Amino acid sequence: MIYDEKDQMRKFKVAPIENSYNSYLISDKEKRDWCGNIYLGCVAIILAIAFFT
């Protein structure tokens, strides 16, 4: 468990990788923040429209 800025515990799942020696897969099952990607996509679309017109 790791504490982040909001003093909430984040849960990580650690699983061994099949057919490998001493290797593990660490996955974070927290909701992803898509807000930045959506803004970036909108800006890219606006720039593409402005470039092709």
N, C-alpha and C. Protein backbone atom coordinates (compact mmCIF):
# COMPACT_ATOMS: atom_id res chain seq x y z
N MET A 1 0.83 -1.18 0.00
CA MET A 1 0.00 0.00 0.00
C MET A 1 0.89 1.26 0.00
N ILE A 2 0.45 2.24 -0.74
CA ILE A 2 1.20 3.49 -0.87
C ILE A 2 0.24 4.65 -0.60
N TYR A 3 0.70 5.62 0.16
CA TYR A 3 -0.10 6.81 0.42
C TYR A 3 0.17 7.84 -0.67
N ASP A 4 -0.89 8.46 -1.19
CA ASP A 4 -0.70 9.54 -2.14
C ASP A 4 -1.02 10.86 -1.47
N GLU A 5 -1.13 11.95 -2.25
CA GLU A 5 -1.27 13.29 -1.68
C GLU A 5 -2.52 13.43 -0.82
N LYS A 6 -3.57 12.72 -1.12
CA LYS A 6 -4.83 12.86 -0.41
C LYS A 6 -4.91 11.97 0.82
N ASP A 7 -3.83 11.34 1.20
CA ASP A 7 -3.77 10.43 2.35
C ASP A 7 -4.77 9.28 2.21
N GLN A 8 -4.99 8.85 0.98
CA GLN A 8 -5.81 7.68 0.73
C GLN A 8 -4.89 6.54 0.32
N MET A 9 -5.27 5.35 0.71
CA MET A 9 -4.44 4.21 0.34
C MET A 9 -4.81 3.75 -1.06
N ARG A 10 -3.80 3.51 -1.87
CA ARG A 10 -4.00 2.98 -3.21
C ARG A 10 -3.66 1.51 -3.19
N LYS A 11 -4.46 0.71 -3.85
CA LYS A 11 -4.26 -0.73 -3.85
C LYS A 11 -3.58 -1.16 -5.15
N PHE A 12 -2.55 -1.96 -5.02
CA PHE A 12 -1.83 -2.52 -6.14
C PHE A 12 -1.95 -4.03 -6.09
N LYS A 13 -2.11 -4.64 -7.25
CA LYS A 13 -2.16 -6.09 -7.34
C LYS A 13 -0.84 -6.57 -7.92
N VAL A 14 -0.15 -7.45 -7.20
CA VAL A 14 1.13 -7.98 -7.65
C VAL A 14 0.92 -9.44 -8.02
N ALA A 15 1.25 -9.78 -9.28
CA ALA A 15 1.07 -11.15 -9.76
C ALA A 15 2.34 -11.59 -10.48
N PRO A 16 2.74 -12.83 -10.30
CA PRO A 16 3.93 -13.31 -11.02
C PRO A 16 3.63 -13.46 -12.51
N ILE A 17 4.62 -13.17 -13.33
CA ILE A 17 4.50 -13.32 -14.78
C ILE A 17 4.82 -14.76 -15.14
N GLU A 18 3.96 -15.38 -15.93
CA GLU A 18 4.16 -16.77 -16.31
C GLU A 18 5.40 -16.93 -17.18
N ASN A 19 6.07 -18.04 -17.04
CA ASN A 19 7.25 -18.42 -17.83
C ASN A 19 8.39 -17.41 -17.70
N SER A 20 8.50 -16.79 -16.54
CA SER A 20 9.62 -15.88 -16.29
C SER A 20 10.14 -16.14 -14.88
N TYR A 21 11.39 -15.80 -14.66
CA TYR A 21 12.01 -16.04 -13.37
C TYR A 21 12.07 -14.73 -12.59
N ASN A 22 11.44 -14.70 -11.44
CA ASN A 22 11.51 -13.59 -10.52
C ASN A 22 11.03 -12.27 -11.14
N SER A 23 9.95 -12.34 -11.95
CA SER A 23 9.36 -11.15 -12.55
C SER A 23 7.90 -11.06 -12.14
N TYR A 24 7.46 -9.85 -11.85
CA TYR A 24 6.10 -9.65 -11.37
C TYR A 24 5.41 -8.54 -12.14
N LEU A 25 4.10 -8.66 -12.27
CA LEU A 25 3.28 -7.65 -12.91
C LEU A 25 2.55 -6.88 -11.81
N ILE A 26 2.69 -5.56 -11.80
CA ILE A 26 2.05 -4.72 -10.80
C ILE A 26 0.98 -3.90 -11.50
N SER A 27 -0.28 -4.08 -11.07
CA SER A 27 -1.37 -3.35 -11.70
C SER A 27 -2.08 -2.48 -10.68
N ASP A 28 -2.42 -1.27 -11.10
CA ASP A 28 -3.12 -0.31 -10.26
C ASP A 28 -4.58 -0.31 -10.69
N LYS A 29 -5.46 -0.69 -9.82
CA LYS A 29 -6.88 -0.81 -10.17
C LYS A 29 -7.67 0.42 -9.77
N GLU A 30 -7.06 1.58 -9.86
CA GLU A 30 -7.75 2.83 -9.54
C GLU A 30 -8.34 3.41 -10.82
N LYS A 31 -9.41 4.19 -10.69
CA LYS A 31 -10.02 4.82 -11.85
C LYS A 31 -9.01 5.77 -12.49
N ARG A 32 -8.97 5.75 -13.80
CA ARG A 32 -8.04 6.61 -14.53
C ARG A 32 -8.64 7.99 -14.73
N ASP A 33 -7.77 8.99 -14.81
CA ASP A 33 -8.20 10.36 -15.07
C ASP A 33 -8.05 10.64 -16.56
N TRP A 34 -9.18 10.68 -17.27
CA TRP A 34 -9.18 10.88 -18.71
C TRP A 34 -9.34 12.34 -19.08
N CYS A 35 -9.46 13.23 -18.13
CA CYS A 35 -9.75 14.64 -18.40
C CYS A 35 -8.66 15.27 -19.28
N GLY A 36 -7.42 15.05 -18.98
CA GLY A 36 -6.33 15.62 -19.75
C GLY A 36 -6.29 15.11 -21.17
N ASN A 37 -6.58 13.82 -21.35
CA ASN A 37 -6.59 13.24 -22.70
C ASN A 37 -7.73 13.79 -23.53
N ILE A 38 -8.87 14.03 -22.92
CA ILE A 38 -10.01 14.59 -23.65
C ILE A 38 -9.70 16.01 -24.12
N TYR A 39 -9.12 16.83 -23.24
CA TYR A 39 -8.73 18.19 -23.63
C TYR A 39 -7.69 18.16 -24.75
N LEU A 40 -6.73 17.28 -24.66
CA LEU A 40 -5.70 17.17 -25.68
C LEU A 40 -6.31 16.77 -27.02
N GLY A 41 -7.25 15.84 -27.00
CA GLY A 41 -7.93 15.44 -28.23
C GLY A 41 -8.72 16.58 -28.86
N CYS A 42 -9.41 17.35 -28.03
CA CYS A 42 -10.18 18.49 -28.55
C CYS A 42 -9.27 19.54 -29.18
N VAL A 43 -8.16 19.83 -28.54
CA VAL A 43 -7.21 20.80 -29.08
C VAL A 43 -6.63 20.29 -30.40
N ALA A 44 -6.34 18.99 -30.48
CA ALA A 44 -5.80 18.42 -31.72
C ALA A 44 -6.82 18.52 -32.85
N ILE A 45 -8.09 18.27 -32.54
CA ILE A 45 -9.14 18.38 -33.57
C ILE A 45 -9.29 19.82 -34.04
N ILE A 46 -9.27 20.76 -33.12
CA ILE A 46 -9.39 22.18 -33.48
C ILE A 46 -8.21 22.62 -34.36
N LEU A 47 -7.01 22.19 -34.00
CA LEU A 47 -5.84 22.54 -34.80
C LEU A 47 -5.90 21.90 -36.18
N ALA A 48 -6.39 20.67 -36.28
CA ALA A 48 -6.52 20.01 -37.57
C ALA A 48 -7.53 20.72 -38.45
N ILE A 49 -8.65 21.12 -37.88
CA ILE A 49 -9.67 21.87 -38.65
C ILE A 49 -9.09 23.19 -39.12
N ALA A 50 -8.37 23.90 -38.24
CA ALA A 50 -7.80 25.19 -38.61
C ALA A 50 -6.73 25.02 -39.68
N PHE A 51 -5.99 23.92 -39.65
CA PHE A 51 -4.92 23.70 -40.64
C PHE A 51 -5.48 23.38 -42.02
N PHE A 52 -6.55 22.60 -42.08
CA PHE A 52 -7.09 22.16 -43.36
C PHE A 52 -8.13 23.12 -43.96
N THR A 53 -8.46 24.20 -43.26
CA THR A 53 -9.42 25.14 -43.84
C THR A 53 -8.73 26.40 -44.32
